[in-house]
Each structure stands twice: as structure tokens, then as C-alpha cells.
Amino acid sequence: MKLPIKKLSEAKYIVWISVIYTVFITIVFFLPPQKTSPIPFSGADKIIHVLIHFLLIILWLFYIFSKKGLELSRKSRVFVFILVVLYGIIIEIFQHLFTHSRQADLLDVAANIIGSLIGLLLFQNITKTIKA
């Protein structure tokens, strides 16, 4: 019998977690913003974008890492990074085109890129440690 955590680290479970997270944040990005922010400072939105994309890239990198037998080529890492960044850009464009309550923001795109880059770098360091 497998341990629950070990079972959750199998690629088939990680892909479902990644897909559900991606769909969830996509929906949230199209909901009207709340009138009152629970976070009292103005940079909170950008920090949230950094955290969302940090987790997004970690989940997708971990999926590929587990699927490929704990190996992840540089090409795969760059490919996932580009996809996550493009996802963030597309969301911003769609917010501008298809919603009245949200608008595109280049600073959101910058925060998305920063979060993705931090996630990529952290993931690379973690996988180097695992292999060592």
C-alpha cells in the first residue's frame, strides 16, 4: 500500500492538481474585483500575481519532472516558462477584450513573469538538491 503523499506525487495526480489550479485561477481572473480589498496596501495585487504564477509554474514543472522519471531538460523548463508567461499575457488581453470590470495591466504581466522566474529558479535548485 502506498503512502498518501507518495501517491499524490504520481504524475497522474499532479496533472489533475495542475489542471484544476489552472482552471481555478483562470475563472478567478475573470471575476469582478472585490470593492474592498482584505489586504490594506496597494502592491497587494502584484504580490498576488507573483504568488499565483509562482505556484502555477511549480505545479507544471513538478508534473513534467515526475512524468519524465525525475529528469527535466533545460528545453522543457524553458518551454514551461514560456507557456506560463504566455498564459499570463493572454489572460491580461482577454480581461481587456471580454470584461467590463477588469482591464489589462502591464505591471500584472511583469508580476506574472517575476513569479514564474522565481518559481523556475527555485524548482531548478530543488531538483539539483534532489539529484545530489
Protein backbone atom coordinates (compact mmCIF):
# COMPACT_ATOMS: atom_id res chain seq x y z
CA MET A 1 0.00 0.00 0.00
CA LYS A 2 1.38 3.38 -1.00
CA LEU A 3 1.58 6.29 1.37
CA PRO A 4 -0.96 9.07 0.54
CA ILE A 5 1.76 11.69 -0.08
CA LYS A 6 3.75 9.36 -2.30
CA LYS A 7 0.61 8.50 -4.23
CA LEU A 8 -0.19 12.21 -4.70
CA SER A 9 3.28 12.71 -6.17
CA GLU A 10 2.48 10.40 -9.09
CA ALA A 11 2.24 12.19 -12.44
CA LYS A 12 -1.44 11.35 -12.97
CA TYR A 13 -2.41 13.11 -9.73
CA ILE A 14 -0.10 16.07 -10.27
CA VAL A 15 -1.55 16.74 -13.72
CA TRP A 16 -5.07 16.87 -12.26
CA ILE A 17 -3.96 19.21 -9.49
CA SER A 18 -2.23 21.41 -12.09
CA VAL A 19 -5.25 21.46 -14.41
CA ILE A 20 -7.68 22.23 -11.57
CA TYR A 21 -5.43 25.03 -10.29
CA THR A 22 -5.07 26.49 -13.81
CA VAL A 23 -8.84 26.41 -14.41
CA PHE A 24 -9.50 27.89 -10.96
CA ILE A 25 -7.15 30.85 -11.43
CA THR A 26 -8.49 31.43 -14.94
CA ILE A 27 -12.01 31.73 -13.52
CA VAL A 28 -10.83 34.00 -10.70
CA PHE A 29 -9.04 36.29 -13.17
CA PHE A 30 -12.36 36.92 -14.92
CA LEU A 31 -14.48 37.54 -11.83
CA PRO A 32 -15.23 41.17 -10.98
CA PRO A 33 -12.72 42.51 -8.44
CA GLN A 34 -13.90 42.95 -4.87
CA LYS A 35 -14.78 46.50 -3.86
CA THR A 36 -12.95 46.21 -0.56
CA SER A 37 -9.55 44.62 -0.54
CA PRO A 38 -8.76 42.47 2.50
CA ILE A 39 -5.11 43.48 2.09
CA PRO A 40 -4.52 47.13 3.08
CA PHE A 41 -1.59 48.13 0.82
CA SER A 42 -1.53 48.99 -2.87
CA GLY A 43 1.05 46.45 -4.05
CA ALA A 44 -1.05 43.51 -2.88
CA ASP A 45 -2.41 42.83 -6.36
CA LYS A 46 1.08 42.46 -7.79
CA ILE A 47 2.20 40.19 -4.94
CA ILE A 48 -0.84 38.00 -5.57
CA HIS A 49 0.10 37.77 -9.26
CA VAL A 50 3.65 36.78 -8.31
CA LEU A 51 2.39 34.07 -5.94
CA ILE A 52 -0.20 32.72 -8.38
CA HIS A 53 2.33 32.32 -11.19
CA PHE A 54 4.99 31.03 -8.81
CA LEU A 55 2.68 28.15 -7.85
CA LEU A 56 1.46 27.67 -11.42
CA ILE A 57 4.94 27.07 -12.83
CA ILE A 58 5.97 24.91 -9.86
CA LEU A 59 2.96 22.63 -10.38
CA TRP A 60 3.53 22.21 -14.12
CA LEU A 61 7.30 21.72 -13.73
CA PHE A 62 6.71 19.15 -11.00
CA TYR A 63 4.27 17.30 -13.26
CA ILE A 64 6.81 17.06 -16.11
CA PHE A 65 9.58 16.23 -13.64
CA SER A 66 7.60 13.33 -12.16
CA LYS A 67 6.38 12.14 -15.57
CA LYS A 68 9.89 12.03 -17.04
CA GLY A 69 11.32 9.93 -14.20
CA LEU A 70 12.77 12.78 -12.12
CA GLU A 71 14.51 14.30 -15.14
CA LEU A 72 13.77 17.71 -16.60
CA SER A 73 15.77 19.07 -19.50
CA ARG A 74 16.60 22.73 -19.91
CA LYS A 75 14.44 22.76 -23.04
CA SER A 76 11.44 21.50 -21.03
CA ARG A 77 11.97 24.10 -18.30
CA VAL A 78 12.20 26.93 -20.84
CA PHE A 79 9.12 25.60 -22.68
CA VAL A 80 7.03 25.54 -19.48
CA PHE A 81 8.28 29.02 -18.52
CA ILE A 82 7.28 30.42 -21.92
CA LEU A 83 3.85 28.75 -21.74
CA VAL A 84 3.16 30.12 -18.25
CA VAL A 85 4.25 33.62 -19.28
CA LEU A 86 2.11 33.44 -22.43
CA TYR A 87 -0.82 32.26 -20.32
CA GLY A 88 -0.46 35.37 -18.14
CA ILE A 89 -0.26 37.66 -21.17
CA ILE A 90 -3.30 36.04 -22.81
CA ILE A 91 -5.31 36.38 -19.59
CA GLU A 92 -4.50 40.10 -19.47
CA ILE A 93 -5.51 40.55 -23.11
CA PHE A 94 -8.76 38.62 -22.58
CA GLN A 95 -9.54 40.66 -19.47
CA HIS A 96 -9.25 43.79 -21.60
CA LEU A 97 -11.28 42.41 -24.51
CA PHE A 98 -14.01 40.44 -22.76
CA THR A 99 -14.70 42.02 -19.37
CA HIS A 100 -16.00 45.37 -18.25
CA SER A 101 -14.82 45.08 -14.66
CA ARG A 102 -11.15 44.28 -15.40
CA GLN A 103 -8.51 45.73 -17.64
CA ALA A 104 -5.13 44.72 -18.99
CA ASP A 105 -2.17 45.83 -16.88
CA LEU A 106 1.46 45.60 -17.95
CA LEU A 107 2.53 45.58 -14.29
CA ASP A 108 0.43 42.42 -13.83
CA VAL A 109 2.32 40.85 -16.72
CA ALA A 110 5.62 41.88 -15.11
CA ALA A 111 4.49 40.38 -11.78
CA ASN A 112 3.49 37.18 -13.59
CA ILE A 113 6.93 36.94 -15.20
CA ILE A 114 8.67 37.59 -11.87
CA GLY A 115 6.61 34.91 -10.13
CA SER A 116 7.28 32.43 -12.93
CA LEU A 117 11.00 33.18 -12.89
CA ILE A 118 11.24 32.79 -9.11
CA GLY A 119 9.34 29.50 -9.35
CA LEU A 120 11.59 28.25 -12.15
CA LEU A 121 14.79 29.15 -10.28
CA LEU A 122 13.56 27.62 -7.03
CA PHE A 123 12.47 24.46 -8.83
CA GLN A 124 15.88 24.15 -10.50
CA ASN A 125 17.63 24.49 -7.14
CA ILE A 126 15.35 21.93 -5.51
CA THR A 127 15.83 19.38 -8.30
CA LYS A 128 19.62 19.85 -8.16
CA THR A 129 19.46 19.11 -4.43
CA ILE A 130 17.31 16.02 -5.02
CA LYS A 131 19.75 14.67 -7.61
CA ALA A 132 22.83 15.34 -5.43
